[in-house]
N, C-alpha and C. Protein backbone atom coordinates (compact mmCIF):
# COMPACT_ATOMS: atom_id res chain seq x y z
N UNK A 1 104.71 10.34 -232.59
CA UNK A 1 106.45 11.55 -231.97
C UNK A 1 105.37 12.93 -231.37
N UNK A 2 105.62 13.39 -230.44
CA UNK A 2 105.08 14.72 -229.64
C UNK A 2 106.35 16.16 -229.57
N UNK A 3 106.08 17.15 -230.31
CA UNK A 3 106.61 18.26 -229.88
C UNK A 3 106.73 19.16 -228.84
N UNK A 4 107.87 19.32 -227.97
CA UNK A 4 107.84 20.65 -227.04
C UNK A 4 108.33 21.57 -226.74
N UNK A 5 108.03 22.08 -226.51
CA UNK A 5 108.44 23.71 -226.68
C UNK A 5 109.62 23.70 -224.78
N UNK A 6 110.51 23.96 -224.89
CA UNK A 6 110.65 24.60 -223.36
C UNK A 6 111.68 25.92 -223.72
N UNK A 7 110.55 27.05 -222.47
CA UNK A 7 110.98 28.38 -222.75
C UNK A 7 112.12 28.46 -220.91
N UNK A 8 113.30 29.20 -222.12
CA UNK A 8 113.75 29.27 -220.89
C UNK A 8 114.36 30.52 -220.14
N UNK A 9 115.06 30.26 -218.95
CA UNK A 9 114.71 32.02 -217.90
C UNK A 9 115.30 33.04 -218.86
N UNK A 10 115.97 32.92 -219.74
CA UNK A 10 116.27 34.24 -220.67
C UNK A 10 115.04 34.22 -222.06
N UNK A 11 114.10 33.75 -221.73
CA UNK A 11 113.20 33.52 -222.80
C UNK A 11 113.58 32.98 -224.36
N UNK A 12 114.79 32.46 -223.75
CA UNK A 12 114.60 31.47 -225.34
C UNK A 12 113.74 30.48 -225.88
N UNK A 13 113.19 30.02 -226.95
CA UNK A 13 112.63 28.97 -227.23
C UNK A 13 113.33 28.14 -227.91
N UNK A 14 113.07 26.80 -226.94
CA UNK A 14 113.95 25.31 -227.52
C UNK A 14 112.94 24.75 -228.30
N UNK A 15 112.84 23.88 -229.09
CA UNK A 15 111.30 23.38 -229.61
C UNK A 15 112.55 21.55 -229.65
N UNK A 16 111.90 20.47 -229.40
CA UNK A 16 112.02 19.28 -229.31
C UNK A 16 111.17 18.35 -229.70
N UNK A 17 111.07 17.49 -229.99
CA UNK A 17 110.64 15.89 -230.46
C UNK A 17 110.55 14.82 -229.25
N UNK A 18 109.72 14.36 -229.02
CA UNK A 18 109.69 12.91 -227.93
C UNK A 18 108.89 12.33 -228.39
N UNK A 19 109.22 10.82 -228.25
CA UNK A 19 107.98 9.51 -228.42
C UNK A 19 106.93 9.59 -227.27
N UNK A 20 105.77 9.08 -227.59
CA UNK A 20 104.61 9.20 -226.53
C UNK A 20 105.04 8.29 -225.62
N UNK A 21 104.93 8.95 -224.27
CA UNK A 21 104.89 8.19 -223.50
C UNK A 21 106.61 8.41 -222.97
N UNK A 22 107.37 9.09 -223.06
CA UNK A 22 108.46 9.59 -222.82
C UNK A 22 107.52 10.50 -221.78
N UNK A 23 109.01 10.69 -220.82
CA UNK A 23 108.53 11.78 -219.61
C UNK A 23 109.25 13.51 -219.84
N UNK A 24 108.66 14.15 -219.25
CA UNK A 24 109.04 15.66 -219.53
C UNK A 24 110.75 16.26 -218.92
N UNK A 25 110.25 15.35 -217.41
CA UNK A 25 111.82 15.45 -216.78
C UNK A 25 113.16 14.95 -217.84
N UNK A 26 112.84 13.59 -218.27
CA UNK A 26 114.05 12.81 -218.70
C UNK A 26 114.07 13.66 -220.13
N UNK A 27 113.40 14.26 -221.07
CA UNK A 27 113.24 15.00 -222.56
C UNK A 27 114.27 16.57 -222.21
N UNK A 28 113.28 17.24 -220.49
CA UNK A 28 114.36 18.66 -220.63
C UNK A 28 115.73 18.11 -220.66
N UNK A 29 115.90 16.99 -219.18
CA UNK A 29 117.36 16.91 -219.17
C UNK A 29 118.36 16.92 -220.69
N UNK A 30 117.78 16.15 -221.66
CA UNK A 30 118.65 15.32 -222.56
C UNK A 30 118.05 16.88 -223.68
N UNK A 31 117.63 17.47 -223.32
CA UNK A 31 117.91 19.12 -224.19
C UNK A 31 118.40 19.49 -223.65
N UNK A 32 119.33 19.87 -222.62
CA UNK A 32 119.95 20.72 -222.08
C UNK A 32 119.36 21.51 -221.17
N UNK A 33 118.35 21.10 -220.52
CA UNK A 33 117.12 22.23 -219.52
C UNK A 33 118.15 21.94 -218.05
N UNK A 34 117.72 23.14 -217.49
CA UNK A 34 118.20 22.86 -215.94
C UNK A 34 117.39 22.52 -215.06
N UNK A 35 116.84 21.05 -215.36
CA UNK A 35 115.77 20.27 -214.44
C UNK A 35 116.88 19.10 -214.20
N UNK A 36 117.22 19.38 -212.85
CA UNK A 36 118.03 18.87 -211.74
C UNK A 36 117.55 16.87 -211.51
N UNK A 37 116.21 17.45 -211.02
CA UNK A 37 115.33 15.87 -210.73
C UNK A 37 116.59 15.49 -209.99
N UNK A 38 116.75 15.80 -208.69
CA UNK A 38 117.35 15.04 -207.67
C UNK A 38 117.24 13.51 -207.38
N UNK A 39 115.38 13.74 -207.17
CA UNK A 39 115.18 12.77 -207.49
C UNK A 39 115.04 11.48 -208.24
N UNK A 40 115.55 11.71 -209.04
CA UNK A 40 115.49 10.71 -210.28
C UNK A 40 113.96 10.90 -210.29
N UNK A 41 113.32 11.53 -210.59
CA UNK A 41 112.03 10.94 -211.15
C UNK A 41 110.99 10.64 -210.00
N UNK A 42 111.43 10.06 -208.80
CA UNK A 42 110.95 9.94 -207.91
C UNK A 42 109.68 10.30 -207.19
N UNK A 43 109.29 11.64 -207.31
CA UNK A 43 108.22 12.63 -206.91
C UNK A 43 108.86 12.62 -205.67
N UNK A 44 110.00 13.04 -204.99
CA UNK A 44 110.86 13.14 -203.63
C UNK A 44 111.48 14.31 -203.72
N UNK A 45 110.87 15.48 -204.09
CA UNK A 45 111.87 16.54 -204.27
C UNK A 45 111.25 17.13 -205.64
N UNK A 46 111.67 18.91 -205.37
CA UNK A 46 110.80 19.93 -206.64
C UNK A 46 111.86 20.56 -207.39
N UNK A 47 112.90 19.96 -207.76
CA UNK A 47 114.05 20.63 -208.62
C UNK A 47 113.93 19.83 -210.18
N UNK A 48 112.28 19.89 -210.43
CA UNK A 48 112.33 19.46 -212.04
C UNK A 48 111.19 20.45 -211.71
N UNK A 49 110.66 21.08 -211.14
CA UNK A 49 109.57 21.96 -211.36
C UNK A 49 109.88 22.98 -212.78
N UNK A 50 108.28 23.04 -213.47
CA UNK A 50 107.77 24.03 -214.73
C UNK A 50 107.10 24.62 -214.15
N UNK A 51 107.05 25.55 -215.05
CA UNK A 51 105.70 26.16 -215.18
C UNK A 51 104.98 26.22 -216.62
N UNK A 52 104.21 25.71 -216.98
CA UNK A 52 103.49 24.92 -218.29
C UNK A 52 102.12 26.28 -217.86
N UNK A 53 102.95 26.71 -219.38
CA UNK A 53 102.30 27.74 -220.23
C UNK A 53 100.04 27.79 -220.39
N UNK A 54 100.02 28.59 -219.52
CA UNK A 54 98.47 28.89 -218.89
C UNK A 54 97.77 27.81 -220.44
N UNK A 55 97.35 27.60 -221.04
CA UNK A 55 96.44 27.21 -222.63
C UNK A 55 97.04 25.54 -222.30
N UNK A 56 98.12 25.14 -221.69
CA UNK A 56 98.30 23.75 -221.85
C UNK A 56 98.23 23.05 -220.65
N UNK A 57 97.80 23.80 -219.50
CA UNK A 57 97.54 23.62 -218.18
C UNK A 57 96.77 22.63 -218.52
N UNK A 58 95.55 23.23 -218.50
CA UNK A 58 94.22 22.25 -218.28
C UNK A 58 94.39 21.25 -218.90
N UNK A 59 94.89 20.80 -220.26
CA UNK A 59 95.44 19.96 -220.56
C UNK A 59 95.85 18.52 -219.91
N UNK A 60 96.48 18.71 -219.12
CA UNK A 60 97.37 17.94 -218.09
C UNK A 60 96.16 17.45 -217.63
N UNK A 61 96.40 15.85 -216.75
CA UNK A 61 95.42 15.32 -215.70
C UNK A 61 96.01 16.21 -214.39
N UNK A 62 95.38 16.73 -213.94
CA UNK A 62 95.33 17.09 -212.02
C UNK A 62 96.03 16.04 -211.78
N UNK A 63 96.97 17.52 -210.76
CA UNK A 63 98.27 16.94 -209.74
C UNK A 63 98.02 16.25 -209.02
N UNK A 64 98.71 15.18 -208.23
CA UNK A 64 98.62 14.47 -207.27
C UNK A 64 98.59 15.59 -205.77
N UNK A 65 97.91 15.12 -204.54
CA UNK A 65 97.91 15.70 -203.31
C UNK A 65 99.11 15.31 -202.74
N UNK A 66 100.65 14.83 -203.18
CA UNK A 66 102.09 14.50 -203.05
C UNK A 66 102.90 15.37 -203.85
N UNK A 67 102.18 15.53 -205.24
CA UNK A 67 102.57 17.05 -206.27
C UNK A 67 103.18 17.86 -205.82
N UNK A 68 101.63 18.56 -205.25
CA UNK A 68 101.26 19.62 -205.26
C UNK A 68 101.59 19.94 -202.93
N UNK A 69 101.71 19.11 -202.28
CA UNK A 69 102.77 19.14 -201.30
C UNK A 69 104.75 19.75 -201.52
N UNK A 70 105.11 18.70 -202.86
CA UNK A 70 106.62 19.37 -203.28
C UNK A 70 106.33 20.50 -203.84
N UNK A 71 105.59 21.11 -204.61
CA UNK A 71 105.24 21.98 -205.55
C UNK A 71 105.65 23.33 -204.43
N UNK A 72 104.58 23.01 -202.86
CA UNK A 72 105.17 23.97 -201.92
C UNK A 72 106.66 24.59 -201.70
N UNK A 73 107.61 23.38 -201.59
CA UNK A 73 108.36 23.82 -201.42
C UNK A 73 109.23 24.31 -202.58
N UNK A 74 108.97 24.01 -203.82
CA UNK A 74 109.47 24.78 -205.32
C UNK A 74 109.44 26.22 -205.15
N UNK A 75 111.03 27.23 -205.13
CA UNK A 75 110.77 28.28 -205.67
C UNK A 75 110.11 28.79 -206.96
N UNK A 76 110.06 29.86 -207.03
CA UNK A 76 109.05 30.61 -208.02
C UNK A 76 107.66 29.93 -208.46
N UNK A 77 107.11 29.27 -207.71
CA UNK A 77 105.59 28.74 -207.92
C UNK A 77 104.89 29.51 -208.47
N UNK A 78 103.70 29.05 -209.46
CA UNK A 78 103.20 29.63 -209.97
C UNK A 78 101.79 28.92 -210.35
N UNK A 79 100.62 29.65 -210.68
CA UNK A 79 99.46 28.15 -210.33
C UNK A 79 99.58 27.49 -211.33
N UNK A 80 100.54 27.59 -212.27
CA UNK A 80 100.38 26.72 -213.88
C UNK A 80 101.74 25.96 -212.77
N UNK A 81 102.44 26.10 -212.49
CA UNK A 81 103.29 24.84 -212.03
C UNK A 81 103.36 23.46 -211.83
N UNK A 82 104.35 22.52 -212.00
CA UNK A 82 104.08 21.11 -212.44
C UNK A 82 105.41 20.51 -211.52
N UNK A 83 105.30 19.53 -211.53
CA UNK A 83 106.98 18.66 -211.77
C UNK A 83 106.83 17.81 -212.54
N UNK A 84 108.14 18.33 -213.27
CA UNK A 84 108.27 18.08 -214.78
C UNK A 84 108.50 16.24 -214.78
N UNK A 85 108.23 15.60 -213.73
CA UNK A 85 109.07 14.26 -213.58
C UNK A 85 107.51 13.42 -213.72
N UNK A 86 105.99 14.53 -213.68
CA UNK A 86 104.94 13.89 -213.20
C UNK A 86 104.26 13.84 -214.70
N UNK A 87 104.87 14.91 -215.42
CA UNK A 87 104.07 14.47 -216.68
C UNK A 87 104.43 14.00 -217.90
N UNK A 88 103.84 12.77 -218.01
CA UNK A 88 103.89 11.53 -219.65
C UNK A 88 103.53 12.52 -220.73
N UNK A 89 104.06 12.06 -221.25
CA UNK A 89 104.20 12.78 -222.56
C UNK A 89 103.17 12.45 -223.68
N UNK A 90 101.87 12.72 -223.90
CA UNK A 90 100.94 11.97 -225.25
C UNK A 90 100.87 12.92 -225.98
N UNK A 91 100.02 12.19 -227.53
CA UNK A 91 99.70 12.79 -228.43
C UNK A 91 98.66 14.19 -227.96
N UNK A 92 97.87 14.28 -227.38
CA UNK A 92 97.15 15.26 -227.02
C UNK A 92 97.86 16.41 -226.24
N UNK A 93 99.34 16.03 -225.35
CA UNK A 93 100.02 17.20 -225.69
C UNK A 93 100.85 17.78 -226.52
N UNK A 94 101.34 17.18 -227.34
CA UNK A 94 101.83 18.14 -228.66
C UNK A 94 101.25 18.94 -229.05
N UNK A 95 103.22 19.56 -229.05
CA UNK A 95 102.62 21.29 -229.15
C UNK A 95 103.15 21.59 -227.81
N UNK A 96 103.23 20.97 -226.98
CA UNK A 96 102.78 21.60 -224.95
C UNK A 96 104.51 22.35 -224.92
N UNK A 97 103.96 23.59 -224.33
CA UNK A 97 104.98 24.54 -223.79
C UNK A 97 104.83 24.78 -222.50
N UNK A 98 106.54 25.08 -222.09
CA UNK A 98 106.90 24.79 -220.76
C UNK A 98 108.12 25.59 -220.10
N UNK A 99 107.80 26.41 -219.54
CA UNK A 99 108.97 27.79 -218.89
C UNK A 99 109.61 27.26 -217.73
N UNK A 100 110.73 27.42 -218.18
CA UNK A 100 112.49 27.25 -217.12
C UNK A 100 111.95 28.23 -215.98
N UNK A 101 111.59 27.52 -214.74
CA UNK A 101 111.91 28.73 -213.53
C UNK A 101 113.13 29.41 -213.25
N UNK A 102 112.43 31.25 -213.63
CA UNK A 102 114.31 31.54 -213.41
C UNK A 102 115.10 31.16 -212.05
N UNK A 103 114.38 30.72 -211.39
CA UNK A 103 115.64 30.19 -210.10
C UNK A 103 116.08 28.90 -209.89
N UNK A 104 116.12 28.23 -211.52
CA UNK A 104 116.21 26.39 -211.83
C UNK A 104 117.71 26.34 -212.10
N UNK A 105 118.20 25.65 -211.14
CA UNK A 105 119.98 25.62 -211.55
C UNK A 105 120.07 23.97 -211.25
N UNK A 106 120.63 23.10 -212.20
CA UNK A 106 121.09 22.06 -212.51
C UNK A 106 122.61 21.63 -211.28
N UNK A 107 122.31 21.55 -210.75
CA UNK A 107 123.61 21.05 -209.84
C UNK A 107 124.76 20.51 -210.07
N UNK A 108 124.18 19.25 -211.29
CA UNK A 108 124.88 18.38 -211.98
C UNK A 108 126.20 18.82 -212.74
N UNK A 109 125.38 20.45 -213.26
CA UNK A 109 126.05 21.27 -214.41
C UNK A 109 127.41 22.21 -213.91
N UNK A 110 127.89 21.81 -212.30
CA UNK A 110 128.88 23.09 -211.93
C UNK A 110 130.12 22.56 -211.79
C-alpha cells in the first residue's frame, strides 16, 4: 500500500491509501478531490493538475514534453505542477503529498 495526502484549497489534509500501480488521478477522484480529468487520463487536457509538495517532486519521473505543454494551459501552475493522470503510485512514493490548486473545479459535481 501507498499512503497519499491531498491538501485541499482550504488547507485540509486528506490522507488515503492506494495500491501500488494505481494512478493519482483515479485515487484523487475516489477520495472526493475536485480533479475532473475530462480526458479520463488520456493526457489530452489539464483538468487533473496538482501541485506536488517540493520534497516529493524530485522523486517523480520527469514530465514528458506533452505533459509540459498541457501544464502550460493549466490555471495556477507552479514549478512543481504535474498532471495527476501521469503519476503512477510506486512504493517509493509512499507518503506522497500533493496540493489541489485553488482554481480546481470538477464540473461533474455541479
